[in-house]
Amino acid sequence: MTIKTGDKLPEATLVKVTENGPEQVNSADYFKGRKVALFSVPGAFTPTCSAKHLPGFVDKADELKAKGIDEIACTAVNDAFVMGAWGKGAHADGITMLADGNGDFAEAVGLTMDGKAFGMGKRGQRYSMVVNDGVVEQLNVEAPGEFKVSSADHMLEQL
């Protein structure tokens, strides 16, 4: 079942990229007590993700925080080392990179996609959401191959 606005996020383990290395986090604990702008990309270093999605949230971070966002996080079905390298290479200092290496979080929220045709296997769909104290306030899932509603600009319009 796909998550929807008003739903509480299910529990899953993600891996947060930190300066001291990977750190496992429980999604319930991570999202508790704060407002998080979360966006998901099909893969680190992929074209749209690297050229538009991540840079948009980096560029708009201050504006999002001015509208009440406590933290901005990016997730993908990649390991923590890939997510860390991607964040570093993209100068995404204000974005928390959350690795979903096995796709457990993507499965738990019901937002997976089949990337086998591209040699990518099971991935998370492209989406964004505003999560307030573990509850989804906004959810923007892209149609396959599109990049519109999951952008930082679209999220700003909603806040």
C-alpha atoms as a PDB file:
ATOM      1  CA  MET A   1       0.000   0.000   0.000  1.00  0.00           C
ATOM      2  CA  THR A   2       1.320   3.435  -0.944  1.00  0.00           C
ATOM      3  CA  ILE A   3       1.663   6.018   1.786  1.00  0.00           C
ATOM      4  CA  LYS A   4      -0.602   9.051   1.552  1.00  0.00           C
ATOM      5  CA  THR A   5      -1.017  12.467   3.120  1.00  0.00           C
ATOM      6  CA  GLY A   6      -2.040  12.122   6.759  1.00  0.00           C
ATOM      7  CA  ASP A   7      -0.334   8.739   7.228  1.00  0.00           C
ATOM      8  CA  LYS A   8       2.338   8.090   9.826  1.00  0.00           C
ATOM      9  CA  LEU A   9       5.615   6.972   8.268  1.00  0.00           C
ATOM     10  CA  PRO A  10       6.300   3.267   8.758  1.00  0.00           C
ATOM     11  CA  GLU A  11       9.383   2.140  10.620  1.00  0.00           C
ATOM     12  CA  ALA A  12      12.433   1.193   8.600  1.00  0.00           C
ATOM     13  CA  THR A  13      16.177   1.463   9.044  1.00  0.00           C
ATOM     14  CA  LEU A  14      18.046   4.060   7.018  1.00  0.00           C
ATOM     15  CA  VAL A  15      21.734   4.873   7.098  1.00  0.00           C
ATOM     16  CA  LYS A  16      22.631   8.496   7.729  1.00  0.00           C
ATOM     17  CA  VAL A  17      25.822   9.759   6.183  1.00  0.00           C
ATOM     18  CA  THR A  18      27.918  11.565   8.815  1.00  0.00           C
ATOM     19  CA  GLU A  19      31.443  12.954   9.035  1.00  0.00           C
ATOM     20  CA  ASN A  20      32.272   9.978  11.275  1.00  0.00           C
ATOM     21  CA  GLY A  21      30.936   7.417   8.815  1.00  0.00           C
ATOM     22  CA  PRO A  22      27.603   5.647   8.347  1.00  0.00           C
ATOM     23  CA  GLU A  23      25.125   5.720  11.224  1.00  0.00           C
ATOM     24  CA  GLN A  24      21.993   3.568  11.307  1.00  0.00           C
ATOM     25  CA  VAL A  25      18.809   5.435  12.130  1.00  0.00           C
ATOM     26  CA  ASN A  26      15.275   4.272  12.732  1.00  0.00           C
ATOM     27  CA  SER A  27      12.830   6.270  10.625  1.00  0.00           C
ATOM     28  CA  ALA A  28      10.415   6.745  13.550  1.00  0.00           C
ATOM     29  CA  ASP A  29      13.178   8.259  15.677  1.00  0.00           C
ATOM     30  CA  TYR A  30      14.619  10.319  12.837  1.00  0.00           C
ATOM     31  CA  PHE A  31      11.359  12.085  11.919  1.00  0.00           C
ATOM     32  CA  LYS A  32      10.050  12.455  15.493  1.00  0.00           C
ATOM     33  CA  GLY A  33       9.469  15.969  16.785  1.00  0.00           C
ATOM     34  CA  ARG A  34      10.472  17.975  13.739  1.00  0.00           C
ATOM     35  CA  LYS A  35       9.438  19.028  10.268  1.00  0.00           C
ATOM     36  CA  VAL A  36      11.520  17.396   7.531  1.00  0.00           C
ATOM     37  CA  ALA A  37      11.529  17.998   3.796  1.00  0.00           C
ATOM     38  CA  LEU A  38      12.344  14.561   2.379  1.00  0.00           C
ATOM     39  CA  PHE A  39      12.992  13.890  -1.270  1.00  0.00           C
ATOM     40  CA  SER A  40      13.725  10.613  -2.979  1.00  0.00           C
ATOM     41  CA  VAL A  41      15.695  10.051  -6.148  1.00  0.00           C
ATOM     42  CA  PRO A  42      16.021   6.859  -8.193  1.00  0.00           C
ATOM     43  CA  GLY A  43      19.794   6.935  -7.839  1.00  0.00           C
ATOM     44  CA  ALA A  44      22.763   9.017  -6.787  1.00  0.00           C
ATOM     45  CA  PHE A  45      24.831  10.399  -9.665  1.00  0.00           C
ATOM     46  CA  THR A  46      22.027   9.821 -12.194  1.00  0.00           C
ATOM     47  CA  PRO A  47      21.367  12.664 -14.682  1.00  0.00           C
ATOM     48  CA  THR A  48      18.151  14.354 -13.479  1.00  0.00           C
ATOM     49  CA  CYS A  49      18.974  13.660  -9.854  1.00  0.00           C
ATOM     50  CA  SER A  50      22.402  15.285 -10.135  1.00  0.00           C
ATOM     51  CA  ALA A  51      21.548  18.128 -12.499  1.00  0.00           C
ATOM     52  CA  LYS A  52      18.191  19.227 -11.058  1.00  0.00           C
ATOM     53  CA  HIS A  53      16.749  17.428  -8.040  1.00  0.00           C
ATOM     54  CA  LEU A  54      19.557  17.603  -5.457  1.00  0.00           C
ATOM     55  CA  PRO A  55      20.853  21.028  -6.627  1.00  0.00           C
ATOM     56  CA  GLY A  56      17.337  22.476  -6.337  1.00  0.00           C
ATOM     57  CA  PHE A  57      17.110  21.534  -2.661  1.00  0.00           C
ATOM     58  CA  VAL A  58      20.657  22.780  -2.019  1.00  0.00           C
ATOM     59  CA  ASP A  59      19.816  26.130  -3.648  1.00  0.00           C
ATOM     60  CA  LYS A  60      16.463  26.502  -1.856  1.00  0.00           C
ATOM     61  CA  ALA A  61      17.543  25.229   1.584  1.00  0.00           C
ATOM     62  CA  ASP A  62      17.440  28.623   3.280  1.00  0.00           C
ATOM     63  CA  GLU A  63      14.006  29.413   1.814  1.00  0.00           C
ATOM     64  CA  LEU A  64      12.630  26.055   2.939  1.00  0.00           C
ATOM     65  CA  LYS A  65      13.984  26.556   6.442  1.00  0.00           C
ATOM     66  CA  ALA A  66      12.497  30.069   6.541  1.00  0.00           C
ATOM     67  CA  LYS A  67       9.106  28.428   5.903  1.00  0.00           C
ATOM     68  CA  GLY A  68       9.411  26.096   8.908  1.00  0.00           C
ATOM     69  CA  ILE A  69      11.439  23.148   7.627  1.00  0.00           C
ATOM     70  CA  ASP A  70      13.853  21.933  10.318  1.00  0.00           C
ATOM     71  CA  GLU A  71      15.854  19.566   8.131  1.00  0.00           C
ATOM     72  CA  ILE A  72      16.161  18.599   4.475  1.00  0.00           C
ATOM     73  CA  ALA A  73      16.953  14.976   3.676  1.00  0.00           C
ATOM     74  CA  CYS A  74      17.581  13.056   0.475  1.00  0.00           C
ATOM     75  CA  THR A  75      17.080   9.315   0.190  1.00  0.00           C
ATOM     76  CA  ALA A  76      17.904   6.804  -2.522  1.00  0.00           C
ATOM     77  CA  VAL A  77      18.356   3.070  -2.861  1.00  0.00           C
ATOM     78  CA  ASN A  78      22.136   3.390  -2.707  1.00  0.00           C
ATOM     79  CA  ASP A  79      24.656   2.574  -0.008  1.00  0.00           C
ATOM     80  CA  ALA A  80      25.880   5.190   2.456  1.00  0.00           C
ATOM     81  CA  PHE A  81      29.287   5.508   0.796  1.00  0.00           C
ATOM     82  CA  VAL A  82      27.747   6.340  -2.583  1.00  0.00           C
ATOM     83  CA  MET A  83      25.306   8.788  -0.964  1.00  0.00           C
ATOM     84  CA  GLY A  84      28.179  10.401   0.934  1.00  0.00           C
ATOM     85  CA  ALA A  85      30.333  10.789  -2.167  1.00  0.00           C
ATOM     86  CA  TRP A  86      27.402  12.195  -4.130  1.00  0.00           C
ATOM     87  CA  GLY A  87      26.525  14.712  -1.418  1.00  0.00           C
ATOM     88  CA  LYS A  88      30.148  15.780  -1.094  1.00  0.00           C
ATOM     89  CA  GLY A  89      30.622  16.119  -4.852  1.00  0.00           C
ATOM     90  CA  ALA A  90      27.413  18.147  -5.134  1.00  0.00           C
ATOM     91  CA  HIS A  91      28.393  20.440  -2.208  1.00  0.00           C
ATOM     92  CA  ALA A  92      25.149  19.425  -0.492  1.00  0.00           C
ATOM     93  CA  ASP A  93      26.342  20.439   2.969  1.00  0.00           C
ATOM     94  CA  GLY A  94      22.871  21.429   4.197  1.00  0.00           C
ATOM     95  CA  ILE A  95      21.219  18.195   3.066  1.00  0.00           C
ATOM     96  CA  THR A  96      21.167  15.014   5.164  1.00  0.00           C
ATOM     97  CA  MET A  97      21.882  12.031   2.951  1.00  0.00           C
ATOM     98  CA  LEU A  98      19.883   8.943   3.980  1.00  0.00           C
ATOM     99  CA  ALA A  99      20.906   5.706   2.317  1.00  0.00           C
ATOM    100  CA  ASP A 100      18.202   3.084   1.781  1.00  0.00           C
ATOM    101  CA  GLY A 101      20.639   0.447   0.577  1.00  0.00           C
ATOM    102  CA  ASN A 102      18.217  -2.476   0.498  1.00  0.00           C
ATOM    103  CA  GLY A 103      15.181  -0.414  -0.450  1.00  0.00           C
ATOM    104  CA  ASP A 104      13.439  -1.205   2.854  1.00  0.00           C
ATOM    105  CA  PHE A 105      12.172   2.354   3.364  1.00  0.00           C
ATOM    106  CA  ALA A 106      11.023   2.635  -0.277  1.00  0.00           C
ATOM    107  CA  GLU A 107       9.117  -0.627   0.140  1.00  0.00           C
ATOM    108  CA  ALA A 108       7.661   0.400   3.500  1.00  0.00           C
ATOM    109  CA  VAL A 109       6.182   3.597   2.021  1.00  0.00           C
ATOM    110  CA  GLY A 110       5.061   1.733  -1.109  1.00  0.00           C
ATOM    111  CA  LEU A 111       7.063   3.920  -3.487  1.00  0.00           C
ATOM    112  CA  THR A 112       9.348   1.537  -5.347  1.00  0.00           C
ATOM    113  CA  MET A 113      10.004   1.334  -9.051  1.00  0.00           C
ATOM    114  CA  ASP A 114      11.474  -1.305 -11.313  1.00  0.00           C
ATOM    115  CA  GLY A 115      14.695   0.012 -12.833  1.00  0.00           C
ATOM    116  CA  LYS A 116      15.796  -3.304 -14.344  1.00  0.00           C
ATOM    117  CA  ALA A 117      15.489  -1.951 -17.889  1.00  0.00           C
ATOM    118  CA  PHE A 118      18.253   0.501 -16.959  1.00  0.00           C
ATOM    119  CA  GLY A 119      20.368  -2.026 -15.032  1.00  0.00           C
ATOM    120  CA  MET A 120      19.346  -0.468 -11.716  1.00  0.00           C
ATOM    121  CA  GLY A 121      17.078  -3.122 -10.163  1.00  0.00           C
ATOM    122  CA  LYS A 122      14.545  -2.118  -7.519  1.00  0.00           C
ATOM    123  CA  ARG A 123      14.697   1.588  -6.703  1.00  0.00           C
ATOM    124  CA  GLY A 124      12.714   4.255  -4.939  1.00  0.00           C
ATOM    125  CA  GLN A 125      10.453   6.445  -7.035  1.00  0.00           C
ATOM    126  CA  ARG A 126      11.129  10.144  -7.472  1.00  0.00           C
ATOM    127  CA  TYR A 127       9.054  12.027  -4.903  1.00  0.00           C
ATOM    128  CA  SER A 128       9.129  14.642  -2.189  1.00  0.00           C
ATOM    129  CA  MET A 129       7.237  14.875   1.054  1.00  0.00           C
ATOM    130  CA  VAL A 130       6.953  17.112   4.071  1.00  0.00           C
ATOM    131  CA  VAL A 131       6.958  15.016   7.225  1.00  0.00           C
ATOM    132  CA  ASN A 132       5.856  16.690  10.455  1.00  0.00           C
ATOM    133  CA  ASP A 133       6.557  14.691  13.619  1.00  0.00           C
ATOM    134  CA  GLY A 134       6.460  11.443  11.626  1.00  0.00           C
ATOM    135  CA  VAL A 135       3.232  12.248   9.747  1.00  0.00           C
ATOM    136  CA  VAL A 136       3.129  12.990   6.014  1.00  0.00           C
ATOM    137  CA  GLU A 137       1.754  16.517   5.487  1.00  0.00           C
ATOM    138  CA  GLN A 138       2.541  16.812   1.774  1.00  0.00           C
ATOM    139  CA  LEU A 139       3.312  14.082  -0.758  1.00  0.00           C
ATOM    140  CA  ASN A 140       4.395  14.712  -4.333  1.00  0.00           C
ATOM    141  CA  VAL A 141       5.041  11.604  -6.427  1.00  0.00           C
ATOM    142  CA  GLU A 142       6.344  12.052  -9.963  1.00  0.00           C
ATOM    143  CA  ALA A 143       4.920  10.300 -12.980  1.00  0.00           C
ATOM    144  CA  PRO A 144       7.532   8.005 -14.582  1.00  0.00           C
ATOM    145  CA  GLY A 145      10.232   9.989 -16.362  1.00  0.00           C
ATOM    146  CA  GLU A 146       9.032  13.371 -15.090  1.00  0.00           C
ATOM    147  CA  PHE A 147      10.525  15.998 -12.784  1.00  0.00           C
ATOM    148  CA  LYS A 148       7.940  18.574 -11.743  1.00  0.00           C
ATOM    149  CA  VAL A 149       6.069  18.033  -8.491  1.00  0.00           C
ATOM    150  CA  SER A 150       8.983  16.693  -6.425  1.00  0.00           C
ATOM    151  CA  SER A 151      11.134  19.798  -6.909  1.00  0.00           C
ATOM    152  CA  ALA A 152      12.174  22.206  -4.181  1.00  0.00           C
ATOM    153  CA  ASP A 153      10.348  24.993  -6.031  1.00  0.00           C
ATOM    154  CA  HIS A 154       7.073  23.048  -5.969  1.00  0.00           C
ATOM    155  CA  MET A 155       7.521  22.296  -2.265  1.00  0.00           C
ATOM    156  CA  LEU A 156       8.089  25.979  -1.537  1.00  0.00           C
ATOM    157  CA  GLU A 157       4.803  26.807  -3.262  1.00  0.00           C
ATOM    158  CA  GLN A 158       3.028  24.340  -0.963  1.00  0.00           C
ATOM    159  CA  LEU A 159       4.451  25.677   2.308  1.00  0.00           C
END
